Structure formats: C-alpha cells, structure tokens
Amino acid sequence: MRTSRLAGSLLLAALVLGHARAGAEIRVFVTNEKSDDVTVIDATTRTVLKTIPVGKRPRGVAVSPDGRRVYVTNSNSDTLSVIDARSLAVLSTVPAGLDPEGLTLNRAGTVLYVVNENELSVTVLDADSLKIMKKIGVGKEPETAVTSPDGRWVAVSNETSDDVHLIETASDTVVKRISVPKNPRGMRFTADSRRLFVASEQAHVVSVIDVAQGSVTKSVETGGSRPVDVALTPDGARAYVSHGQSGDLRVLDTASLQMLAVIPVGPRTWWTALTPDGRFLWATVGRTGEVAVIDTQSNAVVGRVRCGTLPWGVAIANVP
C-alpha cells in the first residue's frame, strides 16, 4: 500500500512538471519592489525556498534559456543582479543604465536587452561578461521587452509614446515602429513569431500586431480594467490577460479575441508566467503580497504563495 502511494506521488509530480528536463526542478522567481528582494518558490510543492536580497526596487526578471541564470533589474539602483538558479546565490550586480525595468535575452542566451524607462533606451549587455555593448534608442517611457521565438526580433513597449519598437537582433537596430492603443505594457509573440499580442493598460484593450506588415490588425476591449500582461498557451489557442484594476485574468480566444472566462485573482494582478507544460499560470498580486497559481484546465485559482512586499515580476526557470 505504501509503495502504491509513493508511485502515485511520483506520477503526480511528473504530471505537474510536464516538459521539464530529466532531473530538472521548476522554480518560480518573483521580484518584490518594496522589500528589495526576490522570492524563490518550488513550483511543485508551492513552498518558498529562499528570499534573496537584491538591489532597490527590483522589477524585471528573466531566465537564461538553459535555466541556470536568473537576471533581475533593480530600478532604483540602476543595476542588474545575476542569480544562480540552483544555488540561489547572487553571482554579481552590475550597472544596467538608468531605471532598468523589463528585460529579455536573445534566443541563444548570449545577449541581454534591458529596458531603461528614464533613458528612453535599451541597454544591450553581453550575458557572460555583463559588459554593456550598446545603447538602442526607443520610444517614451519604455516598459518591457520580449523576444520572438524565432530569435529575429526583440519587441519593446513604450507607455507614453504609445508604440512598439521592433529591434532586429542581427543588427541590434530598430527597424519598425508600430503605433498601438494608449499605454502598452505586456506583450507575447505567437509560437510562429508572426503575431504579437499587446496589452494597452489605459485603453483597456488587447491588440494583435502582424509582424510582417508592422501594423495592428485588431484591437478588442477585454471587459476588464487596466490590462497589463498577456500569456499565450502553448497551443496558441488562448490568451490570459491580467488586469490591475479589476483584479482578474480574462481568458480570450486568440483567433476571435472573444472572452471565454473571467478568473478573479486579486488587486493589482500584473505580470504572469506559464509553466513549461502550460498547465499552470503564475500571476503576481501586488496589493496582497502574493503570487497566485491558476490551473489553465479549470481556469480557477488553485494556490497562493506569500511573497515579499508589492510583488511585481515573475519568471519560471527549468533548473538543471
């Protein structure tokens, strides 16, 4: 009987981990901008492994493609901290331009793109040496950056100029500027890199950009208030849109942009991250000081984990 229970537990763990590499562990990294630290959570047990002090007002967080490094921007320190995803030690902290916020890596994991809100630019760093390689001018009050799955593009949302800049990674230059509805924030590329979903906070809409055309093909009101982030399921069929003011996630059909479900989460539901198998969506809930876990099969909140003060960003690492 005991053996049967153990086998069942192992099977459950395997299902939760989904596409995790053999021997890997899925960990959730949450930045807390008021307590100046990062909460690290075991995704399977949903327990806090460690709280890591970093710089002042940590916001953006990104994971290297191999799952070994976690990069955190410290907005009020003008720095970038690098965390070993396994040992959870801070390896180094380096300058990263003025007011660094969102960040992303190229597909190979060799180059970091850090958005500088007060500099109207993106700082490009070598991911190994952490030396600044280049500054790329973008729009007004840039917020975040995402890399296309094919590795060709880095998209940067600009909150005040109401546009998205597309940086071509081969040359690290802006090649397209695309006007979008007011106050764009979170974005996600589709798996084929042909479309970019954009949440515009003050317009209360989600827009779809045709990347090849360089224009918005559709914008639809979400029904919620102040959308911030967009997460796409692995099959590309659904979009989960977080809302700060209405405190919920709205599930949209990606083809029609029709609403499929509303998931109450909590005040200031902002940034989101999907587990590798797409089964669970983790979302920061700033005003309650926690991160919520949403089951994407039932579209219900199935767990909550306490974090630091005012959690902001979240990223998931498949740690070898």
Protein backbone atom coordinates (compact mmCIF):
# COMPACT_ATOMS: atom_id res chain seq x y z
CA MET A 1 0.00 0.00 0.00
CA ARG A 2 2.78 2.37 0.92
CA THR A 3 4.55 1.55 -2.38
CA SER A 4 1.37 2.35 -4.31
CA ARG A 5 1.03 5.73 -2.62
CA LEU A 6 4.68 6.54 -3.39
CA ALA A 7 4.21 5.57 -7.03
CA GLY A 8 1.12 7.76 -7.21
CA SER A 9 3.01 10.72 -5.74
CA LEU A 10 5.82 10.31 -8.25
CA LEU A 11 3.33 10.18 -11.11
CA LEU A 12 1.64 13.35 -9.87
CA ALA A 13 4.97 15.15 -9.68
CA ALA A 14 5.79 14.06 -13.22
CA LEU A 15 2.46 15.40 -14.48
CA VAL A 16 2.97 18.74 -12.75
CA LEU A 17 6.45 19.17 -14.18
CA GLY A 18 5.26 18.36 -17.69
CA HIS A 19 8.05 19.05 -20.16
CA ALA A 20 10.76 19.62 -17.57
CA ARG A 21 14.17 18.25 -18.41
CA ALA A 22 15.07 14.97 -16.72
CA GLY A 23 16.38 15.70 -13.25
CA ALA A 24 15.40 19.37 -13.51
CA GLU A 25 13.39 21.35 -10.98
CA ILE A 26 10.92 24.06 -11.83
CA ARG A 27 11.37 27.17 -9.72
CA VAL A 28 9.39 30.40 -9.69
CA PHE A 29 11.22 33.71 -9.18
CA VAL A 30 9.18 36.71 -8.02
CA THR A 31 10.56 40.24 -7.68
CA ASN A 32 9.27 42.32 -4.76
CA GLU A 33 9.75 46.00 -5.43
CA LYS A 34 9.06 47.34 -1.93
CA SER A 35 11.05 44.79 0.11
CA ASP A 36 14.01 44.82 -2.33
CA ASP A 37 14.20 41.05 -2.70
CA VAL A 38 13.29 38.02 -4.79
CA THR A 39 11.08 35.20 -3.55
CA VAL A 40 12.01 31.76 -4.91
CA ILE A 41 9.29 29.09 -4.93
CA ASP A 42 9.33 25.37 -5.70
CA ALA A 43 6.65 25.09 -8.40
CA THR A 44 5.70 21.53 -7.47
CA THR A 45 5.27 21.92 -3.70
CA ARG A 46 4.47 25.66 -3.87
CA THR A 47 6.72 26.34 -0.93
CA VAL A 48 9.18 29.21 -0.57
CA LEU A 49 12.78 28.02 -0.93
CA LYS A 50 14.51 31.30 -0.21
CA THR A 51 14.18 35.07 -0.15
CA ILE A 52 17.14 36.73 -1.87
CA PRO A 53 18.08 40.37 -1.17
CA VAL A 54 18.99 42.25 -4.35
CA GLY A 55 19.06 45.95 -5.25
CA LYS A 56 16.49 48.68 -4.69
CA ARG A 57 13.07 48.23 -6.27
CA PRO A 58 13.59 45.01 -8.25
CA ARG A 59 11.13 44.74 -11.13
CA GLY A 60 12.03 42.85 -14.30
CA VAL A 61 13.12 39.21 -14.16
CA ALA A 62 14.25 36.83 -16.91
CA VAL A 63 15.76 33.35 -17.08
CA SER A 64 18.56 32.14 -19.36
CA PRO A 65 17.46 29.52 -21.92
CA ASP A 66 19.47 26.81 -20.14
CA GLY A 67 17.73 27.57 -16.84
CA ARG A 68 20.99 28.25 -14.99
CA ARG A 69 20.86 32.02 -14.52
CA VAL A 70 18.17 34.46 -13.41
CA TYR A 71 18.54 38.15 -14.22
CA VAL A 72 16.83 40.85 -12.13
CA THR A 73 16.67 44.58 -12.81
CA ASN A 74 16.89 46.91 -9.81
CA SER A 75 15.14 50.08 -10.93
CA ASN A 76 16.19 52.43 -8.14
CA SER A 77 19.77 51.11 -8.04
CA ASP A 78 20.29 51.33 -11.82
CA THR A 79 21.71 47.81 -11.70
CA LEU A 80 21.24 44.24 -12.85
CA SER A 81 21.67 41.30 -10.46
CA VAL A 82 22.52 37.78 -11.62
CA ILE A 83 21.30 34.84 -9.53
CA ASP A 84 22.45 31.23 -9.79
CA ALA A 85 19.13 29.40 -10.29
CA ARG A 86 20.33 26.28 -8.47
CA SER A 87 22.35 27.61 -5.50
CA LEU A 88 20.23 30.79 -5.28
CA ALA A 89 23.33 32.89 -4.69
CA VAL A 90 23.72 36.36 -6.19
CA LEU A 91 26.69 35.97 -8.53
CA SER A 92 27.15 39.61 -9.49
CA THR A 93 25.50 43.00 -9.69
CA VAL A 94 26.43 45.41 -12.48
CA PRO A 95 25.34 48.79 -13.92
CA ALA A 96 22.46 48.49 -16.40
CA GLY A 97 21.51 52.05 -17.37
CA LEU A 98 19.03 54.43 -15.74
CA ASP A 99 15.87 52.94 -14.22
CA PRO A 100 16.09 49.42 -15.69
CA GLU A 101 12.71 47.66 -15.82
CA GLY A 102 11.76 44.92 -18.29
CA LEU A 103 14.40 42.69 -19.84
CA THR A 104 14.81 39.74 -22.16
CA LEU A 105 17.56 37.58 -23.65
CA ASN A 106 18.23 36.63 -27.23
CA ARG A 107 17.36 33.08 -28.25
CA ALA A 108 20.91 31.82 -27.70
CA GLY A 109 21.07 33.39 -24.25
CA THR A 110 24.23 35.31 -25.09
CA VAL A 111 22.82 38.85 -25.15
CA LEU A 112 20.66 40.73 -22.62
CA TYR A 113 18.28 43.52 -23.60
CA VAL A 114 17.42 45.77 -20.63
CA VAL A 115 14.73 48.43 -20.96
CA ASN A 116 15.62 51.80 -19.39
CA GLU A 117 12.45 53.75 -18.66
CA ASN A 118 14.10 57.09 -17.81
CA GLU A 119 16.67 56.85 -20.59
CA LEU A 120 14.28 56.14 -23.48
CA SER A 121 16.59 53.34 -24.49
CA VAL A 122 17.52 49.68 -24.30
CA THR A 123 20.88 48.69 -22.83
CA VAL A 124 22.45 45.71 -24.57
CA LEU A 125 24.78 43.60 -22.42
CA ASP A 126 26.92 40.55 -23.05
CA ALA A 127 25.20 37.89 -20.91
CA ASP A 128 28.50 36.28 -19.94
CA SER A 129 30.77 39.23 -19.17
CA LEU A 130 27.83 41.58 -18.35
CA LYS A 131 29.63 44.37 -20.18
CA ILE A 132 27.49 46.99 -21.89
CA MET A 133 27.76 46.53 -25.64
CA LYS A 134 25.35 49.11 -27.00
CA LYS A 135 22.51 51.55 -26.31
CA ILE A 136 19.45 51.48 -28.56
CA GLY A 137 17.08 54.44 -28.59
CA VAL A 138 13.38 53.55 -28.41
CA GLY A 139 10.14 55.38 -27.51
CA LYS A 140 8.98 57.34 -24.47
CA GLU A 141 8.81 55.51 -21.13
CA PRO A 142 9.73 52.04 -22.41
CA GLU A 143 8.25 49.35 -20.19
CA THR A 144 9.21 45.83 -21.17
CA ALA A 145 10.81 43.68 -23.85
CA VAL A 146 10.07 40.25 -25.30
CA THR A 147 12.00 38.10 -27.78
CA SER A 148 10.31 36.33 -30.68
CA PRO A 149 10.55 32.51 -30.66
CA ASP A 150 12.49 32.55 -33.94
CA GLY A 151 15.04 34.87 -32.33
CA ARG A 152 14.76 37.50 -35.00
CA TRP A 153 13.04 40.25 -33.02
CA VAL A 154 13.03 41.97 -29.66
CA ALA A 155 9.83 43.96 -29.16
CA VAL A 156 9.81 46.94 -26.76
CA SER A 157 6.59 48.54 -25.49
CA ASN A 158 6.64 52.29 -24.87
CA GLU A 159 3.99 53.52 -22.44
CA THR A 160 3.96 57.25 -23.22
CA SER A 161 4.64 57.32 -26.96
CA ASP A 162 2.02 54.56 -27.41
CA ASP A 163 4.04 52.38 -29.71
CA VAL A 164 6.07 49.20 -30.02
CA HIS A 165 9.60 49.23 -31.39
CA LEU A 166 10.92 46.12 -33.11
CA ILE A 167 14.65 45.60 -32.74
CA GLU A 168 16.29 43.27 -35.26
CA THR A 169 18.68 41.12 -33.24
CA ALA A 170 21.04 40.54 -36.18
CA SER A 171 21.98 44.23 -36.21
CA ASP A 172 20.62 45.42 -32.84
CA THR A 173 18.83 48.28 -34.53
CA VAL A 174 15.22 49.42 -34.51
CA VAL A 175 13.68 48.54 -37.88
CA LYS A 176 9.97 49.11 -37.16
CA ARG A 177 7.88 51.45 -35.03
CA ILE A 178 4.26 50.39 -34.66
CA SER A 179 1.55 52.63 -33.16
CA VAL A 180 -0.75 50.90 -30.68
CA PRO A 181 -3.56 51.97 -28.30
CA LYS A 182 -2.73 54.05 -25.23
CA ASN A 183 -0.22 52.80 -22.63
CA PRO A 184 1.11 49.47 -24.00
CA ARG A 185 2.72 47.21 -21.41
CA GLY A 186 2.93 43.40 -21.58
CA MET A 187 3.36 41.52 -24.87
CA ARG A 188 3.73 37.99 -26.20
CA PHE A 189 4.69 36.63 -29.62
CA THR A 190 2.83 33.67 -31.06
CA ALA A 191 4.88 30.48 -31.48
CA ASP A 192 5.43 31.16 -35.19
CA SER A 193 6.63 34.72 -34.42
CA ARG A 194 4.15 36.15 -36.92
CA ARG A 195 1.87 37.92 -34.47
CA LEU A 196 2.44 39.96 -31.34
CA PHE A 197 -0.27 40.36 -28.69
CA VAL A 198 -0.10 43.67 -26.79
CA ALA A 199 -1.99 44.77 -23.65
CA SER A 200 -2.72 48.51 -23.54
CA GLU A 201 -3.45 49.48 -19.95
CA GLN A 202 -5.21 52.83 -20.28
CA ALA A 203 -7.09 51.87 -23.44
CA HIS A 204 -8.34 48.66 -21.73
CA VAL A 205 -7.70 46.66 -24.90
CA VAL A 206 -5.63 43.85 -26.31
CA SER A 207 -4.24 44.37 -29.81
CA VAL A 208 -2.74 41.98 -32.33
CA ILE A 209 0.18 43.11 -34.46
CA ASP A 210 1.02 41.48 -37.76
CA VAL A 211 4.81 41.48 -37.51
CA ALA A 212 5.49 41.26 -41.25
CA GLN A 213 3.10 44.12 -42.02
CA GLY A 214 4.24 46.11 -39.00
CA SER A 215 0.71 47.17 -38.07
CA VAL A 216 -2.17 46.42 -35.74
CA THR A 217 -4.75 44.13 -37.33
CA LYS A 218 -7.23 44.02 -34.46
CA SER A 219 -7.91 45.69 -31.10
CA VAL A 220 -10.61 44.50 -28.71
CA GLU A 221 -11.72 45.69 -25.29
CA THR A 222 -11.08 42.97 -22.73
CA GLY A 223 -14.03 43.86 -20.50
CA GLY A 224 -11.64 44.29 -17.58
CA SER A 225 -9.92 47.38 -16.24
CA ARG A 226 -6.25 48.19 -16.89
CA PRO A 227 -4.83 45.13 -18.67
CA VAL A 228 -1.11 44.68 -18.04
CA ASP A 229 0.23 41.36 -19.34
CA VAL A 230 -0.60 38.68 -21.90
CA ALA A 231 0.32 34.99 -21.70
CA LEU A 232 -0.36 32.57 -24.55
CA THR A 233 -0.99 28.85 -24.06
CA PRO A 234 1.49 26.50 -25.80
CA ASP A 235 -1.10 25.55 -28.42
CA GLY A 236 -1.72 29.23 -29.14
CA ALA A 237 -5.47 28.89 -28.66
CA ARG A 238 -5.94 31.04 -25.57
CA ALA A 239 -4.60 34.31 -24.20
CA TYR A 240 -4.60 35.07 -20.48
CA VAL A 241 -4.75 38.82 -19.87
CA SER A 242 -4.02 40.18 -16.39
CA HIS A 243 -5.80 43.28 -15.08
CA GLY A 244 -4.50 45.50 -12.33
CA GLN A 245 -7.62 47.49 -11.51
CA SER A 246 -10.32 44.86 -11.92
CA GLY A 247 -8.01 42.33 -10.27
CA ASP A 248 -8.63 39.42 -12.59
CA LEU A 249 -7.46 37.36 -15.53
CA ARG A 250 -9.54 37.37 -18.69
CA VAL A 251 -9.23 34.35 -20.96
CA LEU A 252 -9.56 35.20 -24.65
CA ASP A 253 -9.81 33.08 -27.76
CA THR A 254 -6.74 34.14 -29.75
CA ALA A 255 -8.44 33.80 -33.13
CA SER A 256 -11.55 35.85 -32.38
CA LEU A 257 -10.42 37.67 -29.21
CA GLN A 258 -13.78 36.76 -27.69
CA MET A 259 -13.78 36.32 -23.92
CA LEU A 260 -14.00 32.73 -22.72
CA ALA A 261 -13.72 33.16 -18.94
CA VAL A 262 -13.07 35.60 -16.10
CA ILE A 263 -10.87 34.47 -13.22
CA PRO A 264 -10.97 36.65 -10.06
CA VAL A 265 -7.41 36.86 -8.69
CA GLY A 266 -6.82 39.98 -6.58
CA PRO A 267 -5.91 43.69 -6.61
CA ARG A 268 -3.05 44.63 -8.92
CA THR A 269 -2.82 41.36 -10.81
CA TRP A 270 0.08 42.25 -13.05
CA TRP A 271 2.78 40.04 -14.54
CA THR A 272 2.39 36.38 -15.42
CA ALA A 273 4.42 33.28 -16.33
CA LEU A 274 3.36 29.86 -17.58
CA THR A 275 4.93 26.57 -16.51
CA PRO A 276 6.72 24.77 -19.38
CA ASP A 277 3.77 22.44 -19.98
CA GLY A 278 1.29 25.34 -19.93
CA ARG A 279 -0.74 23.73 -17.15
CA PHE A 280 -0.29 26.44 -14.52
CA LEU A 281 -0.15 30.21 -14.83
CA TRP A 282 1.58 32.13 -12.04
CA ALA A 283 0.49 35.75 -11.56
CA THR A 284 1.76 38.42 -9.18
CA VAL A 285 -0.90 40.04 -6.99
CA GLY A 286 0.76 43.20 -5.74
CA ARG A 287 -1.64 44.51 -3.14
CA THR A 288 -1.97 41.20 -1.29
CA GLY A 289 1.76 40.45 -1.37
CA GLU A 290 1.42 37.09 -3.05
CA VAL A 291 1.60 35.16 -6.27
CA ALA A 292 -1.47 33.23 -7.42
CA VAL A 293 -1.46 29.88 -9.22
CA ILE A 294 -4.11 29.34 -11.89
CA ASP A 295 -4.96 25.92 -13.33
CA THR A 296 -5.38 26.52 -17.08
CA GLN A 297 -7.60 23.44 -17.44
CA SER A 298 -10.18 24.54 -14.90
CA ASN A 299 -9.46 28.29 -15.17
CA ALA A 300 -9.51 28.57 -11.39
CA VAL A 301 -7.06 29.79 -8.75
CA VAL A 302 -5.69 26.64 -7.11
CA GLY A 303 -3.00 28.11 -4.89
CA ARG A 304 -1.48 31.25 -3.40
CA VAL A 305 2.04 31.78 -2.08
CA ARG A 306 3.10 34.68 0.13
CA CYS A 307 5.96 36.74 -1.26
CA GLY A 308 7.65 39.98 -0.23
CA THR A 309 6.15 43.46 -0.31
CA LEU A 310 4.47 44.51 -3.57
CA PRO A 311 5.45 41.63 -5.88
CA TRP A 312 5.96 42.82 -9.46
CA GLY A 313 7.64 40.46 -11.94
CA VAL A 314 7.60 36.67 -12.21
CA ALA A 315 9.65 34.18 -14.23
CA ILE A 316 9.85 30.40 -14.24
CA ALA A 317 13.15 28.52 -14.51
CA ASN A 318 13.53 24.90 -15.57
CA VAL A 319 16.63 24.42 -13.41
CA PRO A 320 19.03 21.58 -14.35
